[in-house]
């Protein structure tokens, strides 16, 4: 595969994933999930990402989905606690 085709395939995959996320997020929000948008900016490091992931795993009671700056929480209380801790 040529480098150009490889780059196009990667871009197409990223676009498809973004579209899929948008559709899924919309459906979850319509179903009552809470959306939280947080821009961690320069404080987002690999260790911070791991800390957030661990916090979500241990502190949230409902399901959680995330992509980039958008977090979706099945449980509204989890969303509130996330905002208080990470915003």
Protein backbone atom coordinates (compact mmCIF):
# COMPACT_ATOMS: atom_id res chain seq x y z
CA UNK A 1 0.00 0.00 0.00
CA UNK A 2 1.30 3.43 -0.88
CA UNK A 3 1.84 6.03 1.83
CA UNK A 4 -0.93 8.16 0.30
CA UNK A 5 -3.45 5.31 0.42
CA UNK A 6 -2.41 4.49 3.96
CA UNK A 7 -2.96 8.11 4.99
CA UNK A 8 -6.36 8.21 3.26
CA UNK A 9 -7.41 4.96 4.95
CA UNK A 10 -6.39 6.31 8.34
CA UNK A 11 -8.30 9.55 7.75
CA UNK A 12 -11.39 7.67 6.56
CA UNK A 13 -11.27 5.46 9.66
CA UNK A 14 -11.02 8.50 11.95
CA UNK A 15 -13.96 10.17 10.22
CA UNK A 16 -16.06 6.99 10.47
CA UNK A 17 -15.24 6.67 14.18
CA UNK A 18 -16.20 10.30 14.80
CA UNK A 19 -19.52 9.82 12.97
CA UNK A 20 -20.23 6.61 14.91
CA UNK A 21 -19.45 8.39 18.19
CA UNK A 22 -21.77 11.26 17.28
CA UNK A 23 -24.65 8.94 16.46
CA UNK A 24 -24.14 6.84 19.60
CA UNK A 25 -23.76 9.93 21.81
CA UNK A 26 -26.94 11.43 20.42
CA UNK A 27 -28.90 8.28 21.11
CA UNK A 28 -27.55 7.97 24.65
CA UNK A 29 -28.33 11.62 25.43
CA UNK A 30 -31.87 11.16 24.07
CA UNK A 31 -32.11 8.14 26.37
CA UNK A 32 -31.33 10.26 29.43
CA UNK A 33 -27.56 10.13 29.71
CA UNK A 34 -25.73 13.27 30.87
CA UNK A 35 -23.11 14.92 28.65
CA UNK A 36 -20.12 16.65 30.22
CA UNK A 37 -17.55 18.52 28.15
CA UNK A 38 -14.19 19.15 29.78
CA UNK A 39 -11.12 20.61 28.11
CA UNK A 40 -8.17 19.42 30.18
CA UNK A 41 -5.80 21.41 27.98
CA UNK A 42 -2.15 21.34 29.00
CA UNK A 43 -2.82 19.50 32.27
CA UNK A 44 -3.73 16.34 30.33
CA UNK A 45 -0.77 14.03 30.57
CA UNK A 46 -0.55 10.27 30.35
CA UNK A 47 -0.59 10.03 34.15
CA UNK A 48 -3.61 12.36 34.38
CA UNK A 49 -5.45 10.28 31.78
CA UNK A 50 -4.69 7.16 33.81
CA UNK A 51 -5.86 8.88 37.01
CA UNK A 52 -9.14 9.92 35.37
CA UNK A 53 -9.70 6.44 33.97
CA UNK A 54 -9.07 4.91 37.41
CA UNK A 55 -11.34 7.46 39.10
CA UNK A 56 -14.17 6.67 36.66
CA UNK A 57 -13.66 2.93 37.18
CA UNK A 58 -13.78 3.14 40.97
CA UNK A 59 -16.17 6.04 41.61
CA UNK A 60 -18.90 5.81 38.98
CA UNK A 61 -21.94 3.61 39.54
CA UNK A 62 -23.33 3.78 36.01
CA UNK A 63 -21.79 3.30 32.60
CA UNK A 64 -19.47 5.97 31.21
CA UNK A 65 -18.39 6.62 27.61
CA UNK A 66 -15.87 9.21 26.46
CA UNK A 67 -14.18 10.58 23.38
CA UNK A 68 -11.89 13.59 23.27
CA UNK A 69 -13.46 16.31 25.46
CA UNK A 70 -16.91 14.71 25.75
CA UNK A 71 -17.94 12.38 28.55
CA UNK A 72 -21.32 10.63 28.74
CA UNK A 73 -22.68 9.36 32.04
CA UNK A 74 -25.58 6.97 32.48
CA UNK A 75 -25.96 8.11 36.10
CA UNK A 76 -26.49 11.88 36.59
CA UNK A 77 -24.82 11.74 40.03
CA UNK A 78 -21.68 10.35 38.40
CA UNK A 79 -21.69 13.31 35.99
CA UNK A 80 -22.00 15.77 38.87
CA UNK A 81 -19.16 14.13 40.80
CA UNK A 82 -17.00 14.10 37.67
CA UNK A 83 -17.57 17.82 37.17
CA UNK A 84 -16.74 18.57 40.81
CA UNK A 85 -13.56 16.49 40.65
CA UNK A 86 -12.20 17.22 37.18
CA UNK A 87 -13.52 20.63 36.06
